[in-house]
Amino acid sequence: QVQLVESGGGSVQAGGSLRLSCAASRYTYSRYYMGWFRQAPGKEREGVACIDSLGSPTYANSMKGRFTISKDNAKNTLYLQMNSLKPDDTAMYYCAARFIRSGGSCVTSEWWYDYWGQGTQVTVSS
């Protein structure tokens, strides 16, 4: 069973930055696609970014420019650097993993992923 644990969330003023982390146990990131998602109150969960086994990122169109996804395979840790945060970025942020069955790019659709963390809350005040 894959376990994902997010951390790094918190409260920040608009314009500030946060770096989220997602630690995994019992497997190596090199065997999985990894993704970040978020869900704001009253809204559906949406994809933020994902990263493949080689470290190549894919971003949801609305997330390009301010967010950077990365990973450290040696530490089994996924990151999401968030800059120039806005109140609209307030949400619960989740990481997710999909075992690599074949090659190709990752996708930022939640149905595609096998495992999920519990989330970390990000609150941006104006």
Protein backbone atom coordinates (compact mmCIF):
# COMPACT_ATOMS: atom_id res chain seq x y z
CA GLN A 1 0.00 0.00 0.00
CA VAL A 2 1.36 3.37 -1.03
CA GLN A 3 1.13 6.13 1.54
CA LEU A 4 1.48 9.79 0.63
CA VAL A 5 1.83 12.53 3.22
CA GLU A 6 1.64 16.19 2.28
CA SER A 7 3.12 19.01 4.31
CA GLY A 8 4.06 22.65 3.96
CA GLY A 9 0.65 24.22 3.82
CA GLY A 10 -0.31 27.21 5.90
CA SER A 11 -1.55 30.75 5.85
CA VAL A 12 0.15 33.38 3.75
CA GLN A 13 -0.65 36.85 2.47
CA ALA A 14 -1.30 37.50 -1.18
CA GLY A 15 1.94 37.74 -3.11
CA GLY A 16 3.71 35.33 -0.81
CA SER A 17 5.16 31.89 -1.49
CA LEU A 18 4.87 28.39 -0.11
CA ARG A 19 6.54 25.12 -0.92
CA LEU A 20 4.51 21.99 -0.46
CA SER A 21 6.08 18.59 0.01
CA CYS A 22 4.73 15.09 -0.45
CA ALA A 23 6.60 12.23 1.13
CA ALA A 24 6.04 8.64 0.12
CA SER A 25 6.70 5.43 1.89
CA ARG A 26 7.42 1.95 0.63
CA TYR A 27 8.13 2.72 -2.99
CA THR A 28 10.36 4.85 -5.14
CA TYR A 29 9.20 7.88 -7.06
CA SER A 30 11.06 6.71 -10.13
CA ARG A 31 8.35 4.06 -10.67
CA TYR A 32 5.42 6.45 -10.45
CA TYR A 33 3.89 9.43 -12.11
CA MET A 34 3.18 12.08 -9.49
CA GLY A 35 0.70 14.91 -9.45
CA TRP A 36 -0.60 17.84 -7.43
CA PHE A 37 -4.27 18.69 -7.21
CA ARG A 38 -6.31 21.17 -5.24
CA GLN A 39 -9.88 21.58 -4.11
CA ALA A 40 -11.36 24.86 -2.97
CA PRO A 41 -14.49 24.97 -0.80
CA GLY A 42 -17.57 24.29 -2.88
CA LYS A 43 -15.57 23.43 -5.99
CA GLU A 44 -14.43 20.29 -7.71
CA ARG A 45 -10.90 19.04 -7.36
CA GLU A 46 -8.68 20.34 -10.14
CA GLY A 47 -5.29 19.37 -11.45
CA VAL A 48 -2.34 21.64 -10.82
CA ALA A 49 0.67 19.84 -12.26
CA CYS A 50 2.21 16.42 -12.71
CA ILE A 51 5.66 14.99 -13.31
CA ASP A 52 6.86 11.85 -15.04
CA SER A 53 9.58 9.40 -14.08
CA LEU A 54 12.26 11.45 -15.82
CA GLY A 55 11.23 14.67 -14.10
CA SER A 56 9.42 16.21 -17.05
CA PRO A 57 6.55 18.38 -15.80
CA THR A 58 3.10 19.06 -17.19
CA TYR A 59 1.01 21.97 -15.92
CA ALA A 60 -2.68 22.64 -16.12
CA ASN A 61 -3.15 25.65 -18.36
CA SER A 62 -4.41 27.89 -15.58
CA MET A 63 -1.46 26.99 -13.33
CA LYS A 64 1.39 27.85 -15.65
CA GLY A 65 3.82 30.51 -14.55
CA ARG A 66 3.45 30.65 -10.78
CA PHE A 67 3.71 26.99 -9.78
CA THR A 68 6.68 24.66 -10.18
CA ILE A 69 6.54 20.92 -9.62
CA SER A 70 9.69 18.94 -8.90
CA LYS A 71 10.78 15.78 -7.17
CA ASP A 72 13.75 14.22 -5.44
CA ASN A 73 13.79 10.50 -6.13
CA ALA A 74 16.51 9.88 -3.57
CA LYS A 75 14.34 11.42 -0.86
CA ASN A 76 11.05 10.02 -2.21
CA THR A 77 9.67 13.53 -2.03
CA LEU A 78 7.55 15.56 -4.41
CA TYR A 79 7.45 19.35 -4.25
CA LEU A 80 5.21 22.16 -5.39
CA GLN A 81 6.71 25.64 -5.26
CA MET A 82 3.97 28.25 -5.32
CA ASN A 83 4.83 31.91 -5.90
CA SER A 84 2.80 35.11 -6.17
CA LEU A 85 -0.05 33.45 -4.35
CA LYS A 86 -3.56 34.84 -4.69
CA PRO A 87 -6.66 34.43 -2.52
CA ASP A 88 -8.09 32.22 -5.28
CA ASP A 89 -5.30 29.75 -4.58
CA THR A 90 -6.88 28.98 -1.20
CA ALA A 91 -7.64 25.27 -1.22
CA MET A 92 -6.74 21.88 0.11
CA TYR A 93 -3.77 20.61 -1.88
CA TYR A 94 -3.32 16.91 -2.55
CA CYS A 95 -0.58 14.84 -4.05
CA ALA A 96 -1.32 11.71 -6.03
CA ALA A 97 0.58 8.82 -7.59
CA ARG A 98 0.10 6.47 -10.51
CA PHE A 99 2.22 3.40 -11.06
CA ILE A 100 3.96 3.59 -14.41
CA ARG A 101 2.43 0.92 -16.63
CA SER A 102 3.79 2.23 -19.90
CA GLY A 103 5.64 5.28 -21.17
CA GLY A 104 4.29 8.69 -22.04
CA SER A 105 3.53 11.97 -20.37
CA CYS A 106 1.53 12.34 -17.19
CA VAL A 107 -1.90 13.96 -17.14
CA THR A 108 -3.50 16.33 -14.66
CA SER A 109 -6.80 14.47 -14.40
CA GLU A 110 -7.71 12.99 -11.05
CA TRP A 111 -9.28 9.82 -12.49
CA TRP A 112 -5.84 8.81 -13.79
CA TYR A 113 -4.22 8.38 -10.35
CA ASP A 114 -4.17 5.36 -8.08
CA TYR A 115 -3.13 6.77 -4.72
CA TRP A 116 -3.87 9.96 -2.82
CA GLY A 117 -2.63 11.79 0.22
CA GLN A 118 -4.82 13.40 2.86
CA GLY A 119 -4.06 16.93 1.77
CA THR A 120 -2.53 20.07 3.22
CA GLN A 121 -4.45 23.32 3.57
CA VAL A 122 -3.26 26.51 1.90
CA THR A 123 -4.96 29.77 2.85
CA VAL A 124 -4.10 33.01 1.09
CA SER A 125 -5.39 36.25 2.56
CA SER A 126 -5.73 39.53 0.74
